[in-house]
N, C-alpha and C. Protein backbone atom coordinates (compact mmCIF):
# COMPACT_ATOMS: atom_id res chain seq x y z
N MET A 1 267.29 131.45 -63.57
CA MET A 1 266.50 132.62 -63.92
C MET A 1 265.01 132.28 -63.90
N ILE A 2 264.64 131.08 -64.35
CA ILE A 2 263.22 130.76 -64.46
C ILE A 2 262.58 130.75 -63.07
N GLY A 3 263.25 130.15 -62.10
CA GLY A 3 262.65 130.04 -60.78
C GLY A 3 262.61 131.35 -60.04
N THR A 4 263.63 132.18 -60.20
CA THR A 4 263.72 133.40 -59.41
C THR A 4 262.94 134.54 -60.04
N LEU A 5 263.09 134.72 -61.35
CA LEU A 5 262.45 135.85 -62.02
C LEU A 5 260.95 135.66 -62.12
N ARG A 6 260.52 134.42 -62.29
CA ARG A 6 259.14 134.17 -62.63
C ARG A 6 258.17 134.50 -61.50
N ASP A 7 258.20 133.72 -60.44
CA ASP A 7 257.17 133.86 -59.42
C ASP A 7 257.66 134.66 -58.22
N ALA A 8 258.27 135.79 -58.46
CA ALA A 8 258.79 136.60 -57.36
C ALA A 8 257.62 137.23 -56.60
N GLY A 9 257.19 136.56 -55.56
CA GLY A 9 256.15 137.12 -54.73
C GLY A 9 254.74 136.89 -55.21
N THR A 10 254.55 136.18 -56.32
CA THR A 10 253.19 135.97 -56.81
C THR A 10 252.60 134.68 -56.29
N GLY A 11 253.43 133.67 -56.08
CA GLY A 11 252.94 132.41 -55.54
C GLY A 11 251.98 131.69 -56.45
N ILE A 12 252.23 131.72 -57.75
CA ILE A 12 251.29 131.09 -58.68
C ILE A 12 251.56 129.58 -58.78
N ALA A 13 252.78 129.21 -59.04
CA ALA A 13 253.08 127.79 -59.20
C ALA A 13 254.50 127.51 -58.73
N PRO A 14 254.72 126.38 -58.09
CA PRO A 14 256.09 126.01 -57.73
C PRO A 14 256.88 125.68 -58.97
N PRO A 15 258.18 125.89 -58.94
CA PRO A 15 258.99 125.55 -60.12
C PRO A 15 258.99 124.06 -60.38
N ARG A 16 258.98 123.70 -61.64
CA ARG A 16 259.07 122.30 -62.03
C ARG A 16 259.92 122.22 -63.27
N ARG A 17 260.41 120.99 -63.53
CA ARG A 17 261.23 120.83 -64.72
C ARG A 17 260.34 120.77 -65.95
N PRO A 18 260.61 121.62 -66.96
CA PRO A 18 259.79 121.57 -68.17
C PRO A 18 260.06 120.29 -68.96
N ARG A 19 259.02 119.83 -69.65
CA ARG A 19 259.20 118.67 -70.50
C ARG A 19 259.92 119.08 -71.78
N ALA A 20 260.24 118.10 -72.61
CA ALA A 20 261.11 118.35 -73.75
C ALA A 20 260.55 119.43 -74.69
N GLY A 21 259.26 119.35 -74.99
CA GLY A 21 258.70 120.27 -75.96
C GLY A 21 258.56 121.70 -75.46
N GLU A 22 258.54 121.87 -74.14
CA GLU A 22 258.27 123.20 -73.62
C GLU A 22 259.44 124.15 -73.80
N TRP A 23 260.65 123.61 -73.95
CA TRP A 23 261.79 124.49 -74.23
C TRP A 23 261.64 125.10 -75.61
N LEU A 24 261.00 124.36 -76.53
CA LEU A 24 260.92 124.81 -77.92
C LEU A 24 259.74 125.75 -78.14
N ASP A 25 258.60 125.44 -77.53
CA ASP A 25 257.40 126.25 -77.77
C ASP A 25 256.91 126.80 -76.44
N ALA A 26 257.26 128.04 -76.16
CA ALA A 26 256.90 128.63 -74.87
C ALA A 26 255.41 128.91 -74.78
N ARG A 27 254.71 128.96 -75.91
CA ARG A 27 253.28 129.27 -75.88
C ARG A 27 252.47 128.16 -75.23
N THR A 28 253.03 126.95 -75.16
CA THR A 28 252.28 125.85 -74.57
C THR A 28 252.30 125.91 -73.06
N ASP A 29 253.11 126.78 -72.47
CA ASP A 29 253.27 126.80 -71.02
C ASP A 29 253.09 128.23 -70.52
N ASN A 30 251.85 128.65 -70.39
CA ASN A 30 251.58 130.05 -70.07
C ASN A 30 252.03 130.42 -68.67
N ALA A 31 252.04 129.47 -67.74
CA ALA A 31 252.40 129.79 -66.36
C ALA A 31 253.89 130.05 -66.21
N HIS A 32 254.66 129.73 -67.24
CA HIS A 32 256.10 129.85 -67.11
C HIS A 32 256.65 130.89 -68.10
N THR A 33 257.36 130.45 -69.11
CA THR A 33 258.03 131.41 -69.98
C THR A 33 257.05 132.12 -70.91
N GLY A 34 255.88 131.57 -71.14
CA GLY A 34 254.93 132.19 -72.05
C GLY A 34 254.51 133.58 -71.60
N ARG A 35 254.47 133.78 -70.28
CA ARG A 35 254.09 135.09 -69.77
C ARG A 35 255.10 136.15 -70.21
N TRP A 36 256.38 135.81 -70.19
CA TRP A 36 257.42 136.78 -70.56
C TRP A 36 257.43 137.01 -72.06
N ASP A 37 257.12 135.98 -72.83
CA ASP A 37 257.03 136.17 -74.28
C ASP A 37 255.90 137.13 -74.61
N ARG A 38 254.76 136.98 -73.93
CA ARG A 38 253.63 137.86 -74.18
C ARG A 38 253.97 139.29 -73.80
N LEU A 39 254.69 139.43 -72.67
CA LEU A 39 255.07 140.77 -72.22
C LEU A 39 255.98 141.44 -73.24
N ALA A 40 256.94 140.68 -73.76
CA ALA A 40 257.86 141.24 -74.75
C ALA A 40 257.13 141.59 -76.04
N ARG A 41 256.19 140.73 -76.44
CA ARG A 41 255.44 141.00 -77.66
C ARG A 41 254.58 142.25 -77.51
N ASN A 42 253.92 142.38 -76.36
CA ASN A 42 253.09 143.56 -76.13
C ASN A 42 253.93 144.83 -76.11
N ALA A 43 255.11 144.77 -75.50
CA ALA A 43 255.98 145.94 -75.46
C ALA A 43 256.43 146.32 -76.86
N ALA A 44 256.74 145.32 -77.68
CA ALA A 44 257.17 145.61 -79.04
C ALA A 44 256.03 146.22 -79.86
N GLN A 45 254.83 145.68 -79.71
CA GLN A 45 253.69 146.23 -80.45
C GLN A 45 253.39 147.65 -80.01
N THR A 46 253.49 147.91 -78.70
CA THR A 46 253.24 149.26 -78.20
C THR A 46 254.27 150.24 -78.76
N ALA A 47 255.53 149.81 -78.80
CA ALA A 47 256.58 150.68 -79.34
C ALA A 47 256.31 151.00 -80.81
N VAL A 48 255.86 150.01 -81.57
CA VAL A 48 255.56 150.23 -82.98
C VAL A 48 254.39 151.20 -83.14
N LEU A 49 253.36 151.04 -82.31
CA LEU A 49 252.20 151.93 -82.41
C LEU A 49 252.58 153.36 -82.06
N ILE A 50 253.40 153.52 -81.02
CA ILE A 50 253.81 154.87 -80.63
C ILE A 50 254.69 155.49 -81.73
N ALA A 51 255.59 154.70 -82.29
CA ALA A 51 256.47 155.22 -83.34
C ALA A 51 255.67 155.58 -84.59
N ALA A 52 254.58 154.87 -84.84
CA ALA A 52 253.78 155.14 -86.05
C ALA A 52 253.06 156.48 -85.96
N ARG A 53 252.85 156.98 -84.76
CA ARG A 53 252.15 158.26 -84.61
C ARG A 53 253.05 159.44 -84.94
N PHE A 54 254.36 159.25 -84.91
CA PHE A 54 255.28 160.37 -85.15
C PHE A 54 255.84 160.36 -86.56
């Protein structure tokens, strides 16, 4: 999933094996899983803001 989902057509970085700590803390590796964590966090915050208006 990491290799296929991540750089689909963007060509940012070739896949590489993450080091031991990167599995635990995705924030240290922005080019990889950190981007998806940020996307999920932003989506959650947006949903909360929209729900708060109603």
